[in-house]
Amino acid sequence: MGRRIVIVVAGMPGSGKSVVSRAAKELGLPVYVMGDVVREEAARRGLEPTPANLNMVAKSLREEYGPTVVAERTAQKFREDEEIVLVDGVRSLDEVKVFQRYGDVVIVAVHASPRTRFERIRKRNRPGDPRTWEEFVSRDLTELGFGIGNVIALADYMIVNEEKSLDEVLEEARVLLREKILGKGARPQPPS
């Protein structure tokens, strides 16, 4: 096996990172969601997954264990035999550096405007999602404080998820993964 490829996906909440994850799963790639680490920690602490609690846990984890703790806990879940993995939710260049220890990193950024993202978040109604514009802005500022803007600015590939249908963005993600990233020699593992 050659050096593992770690595709890291960055984007503000509601930008469409999960669409890229869905395309990766369809192609047989293992997908790791960094937000799951925060949700798991919130549950371990007996906290409801509200926006305030998840923001607090994300900040608290980083204060207690350092700025790369979520990336480190995510990377610990990688299986040794995985030649290529996708990580959904990278928020800082420090986290990117963690994944560089596990393989060659390719950064994919997903972008959508704040208004578009807010409407998507309201419609998806996931536990922990902000319900008001104020909560949404607060969450965005938290994300930006982690350094997500730097990751997006240095992305190898960008998907603009604005004024497109879900099917169009999903196909764009499939083509990007299959032809531009996997086509460079990496082969996905079949789903188990």
Foldseek 3Di string as FASTA:
>chain_A
DDFAEEEEEFEAAQLCLVLLVVLCVVQQAAEFELLVVLVVVCVVVVHFLALVSSLVSLVVCCVVPNLQVSLVVRVVPDDPPWRYHYYYHDQAVVSVVVCVVRGHYAYEYGYEDLVNSVVSLCVVVDRHGDNDPVSSVVSRVSSVVSPSVVSNVPHPYYHYDYPDDSVVSSVVSNCCCVCVPCVVPNHGDHHD
